Amino acid sequence: MIFDAVLFDMDGVLVDSEVVAGQVWVQTLGEHGLRLDHADYMARAVGSTVPNLYENLARDHGWTPAPDFEQRLAERLAEAFAVVQEVPGAARTLQALKSAGVPFSVASNSLREKLGPKLRAAGLLDLVAAHAYDPAHVGGRGKPLPDLYLFAARQLGVPIERCLVVEDSLPGLAAGLSAGAEAWGFTGGGHNADGEALREAGAGRVIGSHAELREALGI
C-alpha cells in the first residue's frame, strides 16, 4: 500500500447518487420556474455545495428558491436516496482497505442530514463508521476549499501528504490538491465523470472502476 490513508468523496465515488439527485433537481426546478436540461444542471452541481449552486443559478438565471421549493425538494430527495445504490465495487474496496489495516474516511459536500442516509441505503454506513465528514464539521467551508480534507486527515491521525484523495469532480479534486494530498480522478460512477478534465486539472491518475482502484492500491 503506497498511502497511509484514503479519503473518499461520496457521491459518484462510493454512492451512485449523482444522476438520481440530478433528475430530482431538474424536475423540481422546472416546477418552480427554471427549466434546465440535465447536462446543464450536472455541470453546475457535481462537486458543488447547495449554497454555491443557488448562487450560480441566481447569477446566471436570476432564479431564487420559492418558500416551498426546499421542502418539496427535500421530500423527493429523501425518497430517491432511500434506495440509492453503491457505486459498483465500493463496498469491496472499503472492506479491502479495512482488512489491510489502512484507515479511510468520507469527506463530502453533501448536507449532514443526507450523508448518513445515503451511506446506509448503499450498505456502506457500517464500513465507514464514524469517519464521514461534511462541511458542517469545518464551519461550512466545503470543497473546493481544502478544509474538509485537512479535517478528515486529522481525524484519522495521518499527515495529509500521506493521504490519497479519490474524487469525481473538479471542485473536489481542487480541494484535495490544495490540501496537499495526492488526488486521483474517478470515473466509475453512473454520471460518467469527465476523466480528461480531471487529468488536466491535476489528477495524478484517472481510475475507471473500483476494481482498477484496488489494483492500483495493491489491495
C-alpha atoms as a PDB file:
ATOM      1  CA  MET A   1       0.000   0.000   0.000  1.00  0.00           C
ATOM      2  CA  ILE A   2       1.557   3.262  -1.160  1.00  0.00           C
ATOM      3  CA  PHE A   3      -0.541   5.617   1.012  1.00  0.00           C
ATOM      4  CA  ASP A   4      -1.178   5.727   4.749  1.00  0.00           C
ATOM      5  CA  ALA A   5      -4.893   6.595   4.366  1.00  0.00           C
ATOM      6  CA  VAL A   6      -7.537   7.066   1.679  1.00  0.00           C
ATOM      7  CA  LEU A   7     -10.041   9.939   1.739  1.00  0.00           C
ATOM      8  CA  PHE A   8     -13.094   9.370  -0.444  1.00  0.00           C
ATOM      9  CA  ASP A   9     -15.633  11.723  -1.872  1.00  0.00           C
ATOM     10  CA  MET A  10     -19.059  10.093  -1.540  1.00  0.00           C
ATOM     11  CA  ASP A  11     -21.456  10.999  -4.375  1.00  0.00           C
ATOM     12  CA  GLY A  12     -20.271   9.419  -7.591  1.00  0.00           C
ATOM     13  CA  VAL A  13     -17.336   7.656  -5.916  1.00  0.00           C
ATOM     14  CA  LEU A  14     -18.919   5.455  -3.242  1.00  0.00           C
ATOM     15  CA  VAL A  15     -22.648   6.104  -3.667  1.00  0.00           C
ATOM     16  CA  ASP A  16     -24.188   6.278  -7.156  1.00  0.00           C
ATOM     17  CA  SER A  17     -26.379   9.246  -6.342  1.00  0.00           C
ATOM     18  CA  GLU A  18     -25.384  11.992  -8.784  1.00  0.00           C
ATOM     19  CA  VAL A  19     -27.730  11.034 -11.628  1.00  0.00           C
ATOM     20  CA  VAL A  20     -30.623  10.361  -9.243  1.00  0.00           C
ATOM     21  CA  ALA A  21     -30.164  13.702  -7.491  1.00  0.00           C
ATOM     22  CA  GLY A  22     -29.871  15.487 -10.823  1.00  0.00           C
ATOM     23  CA  GLN A  23     -33.167  14.086 -12.044  1.00  0.00           C
ATOM     24  CA  VAL A  24     -34.930  15.227  -8.875  1.00  0.00           C
ATOM     25  CA  TRP A  25     -33.396  18.699  -9.010  1.00  0.00           C
ATOM     26  CA  VAL A  26     -34.221  19.233 -12.690  1.00  0.00           C
ATOM     27  CA  GLN A  27     -37.829  18.146 -12.186  1.00  0.00           C
ATOM     28  CA  THR A  28     -38.326  20.312  -9.112  1.00  0.00           C
ATOM     29  CA  LEU A  29     -36.599  23.349 -10.616  1.00  0.00           C
ATOM     30  CA  GLY A  30     -38.842  23.041 -13.670  1.00  0.00           C
ATOM     31  CA  GLU A  31     -41.929  23.083 -11.478  1.00  0.00           C
ATOM     32  CA  HIS A  32     -40.604  26.237  -9.828  1.00  0.00           C
ATOM     33  CA  GLY A  33     -39.938  28.306 -12.896  1.00  0.00           C
ATOM     34  CA  LEU A  34     -36.465  27.281 -14.049  1.00  0.00           C
ATOM     35  CA  ARG A  35     -36.035  24.806 -16.889  1.00  0.00           C
ATOM     36  CA  LEU A  36     -32.555  23.306 -17.184  1.00  0.00           C
ATOM     37  CA  ASP A  37     -31.529  20.279 -19.148  1.00  0.00           C
ATOM     38  CA  HIS A  38     -29.892  17.509 -17.176  1.00  0.00           C
ATOM     39  CA  ALA A  39     -26.392  18.086 -18.585  1.00  0.00           C
ATOM     40  CA  ASP A  40     -26.517  21.792 -17.697  1.00  0.00           C
ATOM     41  CA  TYR A  41     -27.595  21.022 -14.151  1.00  0.00           C
ATOM     42  CA  MET A  42     -24.908  18.373 -13.679  1.00  0.00           C
ATOM     43  CA  ALA A  43     -22.181  20.715 -14.939  1.00  0.00           C
ATOM     44  CA  ARG A  44     -23.207  23.254 -12.320  1.00  0.00           C
ATOM     45  CA  ALA A  45     -23.909  20.911  -9.426  1.00  0.00           C
ATOM     46  CA  VAL A  46     -21.475  17.979  -9.341  1.00  0.00           C
ATOM     47  CA  GLY A  47     -18.986  18.615  -6.569  1.00  0.00           C
ATOM     48  CA  SER A  48     -20.619  21.869  -5.514  1.00  0.00           C
ATOM     49  CA  THR A  49     -22.440  22.809  -2.329  1.00  0.00           C
ATOM     50  CA  VAL A  50     -26.119  23.768  -2.304  1.00  0.00           C
ATOM     51  CA  PRO A  51     -25.391  27.423  -1.361  1.00  0.00           C
ATOM     52  CA  ASN A  52     -22.912  27.682  -4.227  1.00  0.00           C
ATOM     53  CA  LEU A  53     -25.443  26.135  -6.595  1.00  0.00           C
ATOM     54  CA  TYR A  54     -28.065  28.687  -5.547  1.00  0.00           C
ATOM     55  CA  GLU A  55     -25.563  31.496  -6.151  1.00  0.00           C
ATOM     56  CA  ASN A  56     -24.807  30.064  -9.575  1.00  0.00           C
ATOM     57  CA  LEU A  57     -28.483  29.892 -10.553  1.00  0.00           C
ATOM     58  CA  ALA A  58     -29.167  33.399  -9.231  1.00  0.00           C
ATOM     59  CA  ARG A  59     -26.212  34.802 -11.168  1.00  0.00           C
ATOM     60  CA  ASP A  60     -26.968  33.093 -14.479  1.00  0.00           C
ATOM     61  CA  HIS A  61     -30.782  32.932 -14.418  1.00  0.00           C
ATOM     62  CA  GLY A  62     -31.959  35.385 -11.772  1.00  0.00           C
ATOM     63  CA  TRP A  63     -33.642  32.449 -10.040  1.00  0.00           C
ATOM     64  CA  THR A  64     -34.071  32.109  -6.281  1.00  0.00           C
ATOM     65  CA  PRO A  65     -35.993  29.352  -4.480  1.00  0.00           C
ATOM     66  CA  ALA A  66     -39.635  29.947  -3.599  1.00  0.00           C
ATOM     67  CA  PRO A  67     -40.683  29.295   0.028  1.00  0.00           C
ATOM     68  CA  ASP A  68     -41.936  25.767  -0.724  1.00  0.00           C
ATOM     69  CA  PHE A  69     -39.068  24.740  -3.028  1.00  0.00           C
ATOM     70  CA  GLU A  70     -36.678  23.326  -0.443  1.00  0.00           C
ATOM     71  CA  GLN A  71     -39.348  21.309   1.357  1.00  0.00           C
ATOM     72  CA  ARG A  72     -40.564  19.748  -1.881  1.00  0.00           C
ATOM     73  CA  LEU A  73     -37.012  19.057  -2.995  1.00  0.00           C
ATOM     74  CA  ALA A  74     -36.079  17.506   0.354  1.00  0.00           C
ATOM     75  CA  GLU A  75     -39.085  15.180   0.260  1.00  0.00           C
ATOM     76  CA  ARG A  76     -38.231  13.941  -3.219  1.00  0.00           C
ATOM     77  CA  LEU A  77     -34.536  13.536  -2.474  1.00  0.00           C
ATOM     78  CA  ALA A  78     -35.299  11.564   0.674  1.00  0.00           C
ATOM     79  CA  GLU A  79     -37.414   9.141  -1.361  1.00  0.00           C
ATOM     80  CA  ALA A  80     -34.721   8.809  -4.023  1.00  0.00           C
ATOM     81  CA  PHE A  81     -31.831   8.383  -1.596  1.00  0.00           C
ATOM     82  CA  ALA A  82     -33.673   5.709   0.393  1.00  0.00           C
ATOM     83  CA  VAL A  83     -32.991   3.256  -2.434  1.00  0.00           C
ATOM     84  CA  VAL A  84     -29.706   4.608  -3.839  1.00  0.00           C
ATOM     85  CA  GLN A  85     -27.052   2.006  -4.695  1.00  0.00           C
ATOM     86  CA  GLU A  86     -23.322   1.799  -4.119  1.00  0.00           C
ATOM     87  CA  VAL A  87     -21.015   2.580  -6.995  1.00  0.00           C
ATOM     88  CA  PRO A  88     -20.180  -0.964  -8.170  1.00  0.00           C
ATOM     89  CA  GLY A  89     -17.361  -2.389  -6.075  1.00  0.00           C
ATOM     90  CA  ALA A  90     -17.326   0.355  -3.444  1.00  0.00           C
ATOM     91  CA  ALA A  91     -18.077  -1.936  -0.507  1.00  0.00           C
ATOM     92  CA  ARG A  92     -15.407  -4.370  -1.648  1.00  0.00           C
ATOM     93  CA  THR A  93     -12.851  -1.538  -1.787  1.00  0.00           C
ATOM     94  CA  LEU A  94     -13.682  -0.346   1.728  1.00  0.00           C
ATOM     95  CA  GLN A  95     -13.579  -3.897   3.064  1.00  0.00           C
ATOM     96  CA  ALA A  96     -10.201  -4.487   1.394  1.00  0.00           C
ATOM     97  CA  LEU A  97      -8.784  -1.326   2.977  1.00  0.00           C
ATOM     98  CA  LYS A  98     -10.151  -2.386   6.349  1.00  0.00           C
ATOM     99  CA  SER A  99      -8.639  -5.866   6.005  1.00  0.00           C
ATOM    100  CA  ALA A 100      -5.294  -4.315   5.065  1.00  0.00           C
ATOM    101  CA  GLY A 101      -5.381  -2.050   8.125  1.00  0.00           C
ATOM    102  CA  VAL A 102      -5.470   1.128   6.023  1.00  0.00           C
ATOM    103  CA  PRO A 103      -7.646   3.883   7.553  1.00  0.00           C
ATOM    104  CA  PHE A 104     -10.143   5.682   5.343  1.00  0.00           C
ATOM    105  CA  SER A 105     -12.867   8.284   5.612  1.00  0.00           C
ATOM    106  CA  VAL A 106     -15.564  10.029   3.601  1.00  0.00           C
ATOM    107  CA  ALA A 107     -15.370  13.780   3.025  1.00  0.00           C
ATOM    108  CA  SER A 108     -18.454  15.014   1.192  1.00  0.00           C
ATOM    109  CA  ASN A 109     -20.141  18.277   0.298  1.00  0.00           C
ATOM    110  CA  SER A 110     -23.489  16.570   0.970  1.00  0.00           C
ATOM    111  CA  LEU A 111     -25.548  18.070   3.756  1.00  0.00           C
ATOM    112  CA  ARG A 112     -25.190  16.169   7.022  1.00  0.00           C
ATOM    113  CA  GLU A 113     -28.817  15.039   7.057  1.00  0.00           C
ATOM    114  CA  LYS A 114     -28.276  13.330   3.684  1.00  0.00           C
ATOM    115  CA  LEU A 115     -24.831  11.872   4.337  1.00  0.00           C
ATOM    116  CA  GLY A 116     -25.815   9.026   6.666  1.00  0.00           C
ATOM    117  CA  PRO A 117     -28.991   8.007   4.830  1.00  0.00           C
ATOM    118  CA  LYS A 118     -27.129   7.714   1.511  1.00  0.00           C
ATOM    119  CA  LEU A 119     -24.373   5.586   3.029  1.00  0.00           C
ATOM    120  CA  ARG A 120     -26.935   3.429   4.838  1.00  0.00           C
ATOM    121  CA  ALA A 121     -29.045   2.859   1.718  1.00  0.00           C
ATOM    122  CA  ALA A 122     -25.930   1.867  -0.230  1.00  0.00           C
ATOM    123  CA  GLY A 123     -24.877  -0.560   2.521  1.00  0.00           C
ATOM    124  CA  LEU A 124     -21.699   1.356   3.382  1.00  0.00           C
ATOM    125  CA  LEU A 125     -22.506   3.064   6.682  1.00  0.00           C
ATOM    126  CA  ASP A 126     -21.152   0.338   8.963  1.00  0.00           C
ATOM    127  CA  LEU A 127     -17.912   0.203   6.991  1.00  0.00           C
ATOM    128  CA  VAL A 128     -17.392   3.955   7.196  1.00  0.00           C
ATOM    129  CA  ALA A 129     -18.467   4.057  10.865  1.00  0.00           C
ATOM    130  CA  ALA A 130     -17.801   7.469  12.430  1.00  0.00           C
ATOM    131  CA  HIS A 131     -15.461   8.720   9.728  1.00  0.00           C
ATOM    132  CA  ALA A 132     -17.952  10.527   7.474  1.00  0.00           C
ATOM    133  CA  TYR A 133     -17.482  14.285   7.346  1.00  0.00           C
ATOM    134  CA  ASP A 134     -19.352  17.165   5.740  1.00  0.00           C
ATOM    135  CA  PRO A 135     -18.829  20.949   5.549  1.00  0.00           C
ATOM    136  CA  ALA A 136     -20.584  21.477   8.900  1.00  0.00           C
ATOM    137  CA  HIS A 137     -17.511  19.910  10.535  1.00  0.00           C
ATOM    138  CA  VAL A 138     -15.396  22.802   9.226  1.00  0.00           C
ATOM    139  CA  GLY A 139     -17.686  25.800   9.648  1.00  0.00           C
ATOM    140  CA  GLY A 140     -19.377  25.310   6.279  1.00  0.00           C
ATOM    141  CA  ARG A 141     -16.134  25.583   4.302  1.00  0.00           C
ATOM    142  CA  GLY A 142     -16.812  22.867   1.767  1.00  0.00           C
ATOM    143  CA  LYS A 143     -14.952  21.977  -1.405  1.00  0.00           C
ATOM    144  CA  PRO A 144     -13.193  23.420  -3.396  1.00  0.00           C
ATOM    145  CA  LEU A 145     -11.630  24.753  -0.184  1.00  0.00           C
ATOM    146  CA  PRO A 146      -9.145  22.314   1.392  1.00  0.00           C
ATOM    147  CA  ASP A 147     -10.578  22.420   4.925  1.00  0.00           C
ATOM    148  CA  LEU A 148     -12.712  19.290   4.717  1.00  0.00           C
ATOM    149  CA  TYR A 149      -9.904  17.041   3.536  1.00  0.00           C
ATOM    150  CA  LEU A 150      -7.474  18.511   6.064  1.00  0.00           C
ATOM    151  CA  PHE A 151     -10.019  17.816   8.809  1.00  0.00           C
ATOM    152  CA  ALA A 152     -10.630  14.244   7.623  1.00  0.00           C
ATOM    153  CA  ALA A 153      -6.893  13.506   7.627  1.00  0.00           C
ATOM    154  CA  ARG A 154      -6.516  14.896  11.147  1.00  0.00           C
ATOM    155  CA  GLN A 155      -9.358  12.708  12.406  1.00  0.00           C
ATOM    156  CA  LEU A 156      -7.516   9.664  11.078  1.00  0.00           C
ATOM    157  CA  GLY A 157      -4.243  10.852  12.575  1.00  0.00           C
ATOM    158  CA  VAL A 158      -2.473  10.751   9.208  1.00  0.00           C
ATOM    159  CA  PRO A 159      -0.498  13.627   7.615  1.00  0.00           C
ATOM    160  CA  ILE A 160      -2.387  14.909   4.601  1.00  0.00           C
ATOM    161  CA  GLU A 161       0.730  14.427   2.477  1.00  0.00           C
ATOM    162  CA  ARG A 162       0.453  10.673   3.105  1.00  0.00           C
ATOM    163  CA  CYS A 163      -3.220  10.545   2.055  1.00  0.00           C
ATOM    164  CA  LEU A 164      -4.833   9.706  -1.261  1.00  0.00           C
ATOM    165  CA  VAL A 165      -7.975  11.644  -2.206  1.00  0.00           C
ATOM    166  CA  VAL A 166     -10.381   9.925  -4.638  1.00  0.00           C
ATOM    167  CA  GLU A 167     -12.663  12.394  -6.424  1.00  0.00           C
ATOM    168  CA  ASP A 168     -15.027  12.556  -9.377  1.00  0.00           C
ATOM    169  CA  SER A 169     -15.435  16.353  -9.555  1.00  0.00           C
ATOM    170  CA  LEU A 170     -13.217  19.319 -10.315  1.00  0.00           C
ATOM    171  CA  PRO A 171     -14.096  21.177  -7.070  1.00  0.00           C
ATOM    172  CA  GLY A 172     -13.322  18.042  -5.055  1.00  0.00           C
ATOM    173  CA  LEU A 173     -10.072  17.439  -6.902  1.00  0.00           C
ATOM    174  CA  ALA A 174      -9.049  21.053  -6.278  1.00  0.00           C
ATOM    175  CA  ALA A 175      -9.804  20.619  -2.579  1.00  0.00           C
ATOM    176  CA  GLY A 176      -7.635  17.531  -2.311  1.00  0.00           C
ATOM    177  CA  LEU A 177      -4.722  19.028  -4.213  1.00  0.00           C
ATOM    178  CA  SER A 178      -4.771  22.325  -2.329  1.00  0.00           C
ATOM    179  CA  ALA A 179      -4.871  20.401   0.949  1.00  0.00           C
ATOM    180  CA  GLY A 180      -1.587  18.766  -0.052  1.00  0.00           C
ATOM    181  CA  ALA A 181      -2.788  15.227  -0.772  1.00  0.00           C
ATOM    182  CA  GLU A 182      -2.201  13.060  -3.806  1.00  0.00           C
ATOM    183  CA  ALA A 183      -5.506  13.174  -5.714  1.00  0.00           C
ATOM    184  CA  TRP A 184      -6.838  10.708  -8.277  1.00  0.00           C
ATOM    185  CA  GLY A 185      -9.832  11.195 -10.526  1.00  0.00           C
ATOM    186  CA  PHE A 186     -12.590   8.568 -10.510  1.00  0.00           C
ATOM    187  CA  THR A 187     -14.940   7.949 -13.429  1.00  0.00           C
ATOM    188  CA  GLY A 188     -16.688   4.762 -12.318  1.00  0.00           C
ATOM    189  CA  GLY A 189     -19.955   6.373 -11.188  1.00  0.00           C
ATOM    190  CA  GLY A 190     -23.130   6.371 -13.234  1.00  0.00           C
ATOM    191  CA  HIS A 191     -22.869  10.033 -14.223  1.00  0.00           C
ATOM    192  CA  ASN A 192     -19.763   9.451 -16.399  1.00  0.00           C
ATOM    193  CA  ALA A 193     -17.365  11.964 -14.885  1.00  0.00           C
ATOM    194  CA  ASP A 194     -15.014  13.657 -17.347  1.00  0.00           C
ATOM    195  CA  GLY A 195     -11.714  11.853 -16.939  1.00  0.00           C
ATOM    196  CA  GLU A 196      -9.818  14.130 -19.312  1.00  0.00           C
ATOM    197  CA  ALA A 197     -10.944  17.228 -17.410  1.00  0.00           C
ATOM    198  CA  LEU A 198      -9.850  15.626 -14.141  1.00  0.00           C
ATOM    199  CA  ARG A 199      -6.461  14.762 -15.634  1.00  0.00           C
ATOM    200  CA  GLU A 200      -5.986  18.288 -16.966  1.00  0.00           C
ATOM    201  CA  ALA A 201      -6.928  19.681 -13.546  1.00  0.00           C
ATOM    202  CA  GLY A 202      -4.066  17.802 -11.916  1.00  0.00           C
ATOM    203  CA  ALA A 203      -5.273  14.300 -11.082  1.00  0.00           C
ATOM    204  CA  GLY A 204      -2.276  12.027 -10.596  1.00  0.00           C
ATOM    205  CA  ARG A 205      -4.216   9.181 -12.181  1.00  0.00           C
ATOM    206  CA  VAL A 206      -7.708   8.673 -13.555  1.00  0.00           C
ATOM    207  CA  ILE A 207      -9.352   5.473 -12.334  1.00  0.00           C
ATOM    208  CA  GLY A 208     -12.302   3.936 -14.146  1.00  0.00           C
ATOM    209  CA  SER A 209     -13.668   1.482 -11.570  1.00  0.00           C
ATOM    210  CA  HIS A 210     -13.253   0.206  -8.039  1.00  0.00           C
ATOM    211  CA  ALA A 211     -11.590  -2.918  -9.371  1.00  0.00           C
ATOM    212  CA  GLU A 212      -8.988  -0.709 -11.038  1.00  0.00           C
ATOM    213  CA  LEU A 213      -8.621   1.324  -7.842  1.00  0.00           C
ATOM    214  CA  ARG A 214      -7.959  -1.767  -5.744  1.00  0.00           C
ATOM    215  CA  GLU A 215      -5.392  -2.956  -8.250  1.00  0.00           C
ATOM    216  CA  ALA A 216      -3.654   0.436  -8.261  1.00  0.00           C
ATOM    217  CA  LEU A 217      -3.539   0.428  -4.442  1.00  0.00           C
ATOM    218  CA  GLY A 218      -2.364  -3.149  -4.221  1.00  0.00           C
ATOM    219  CA  ILE A 219      -5.208  -4.319  -2.003  1.00  0.00           C
END
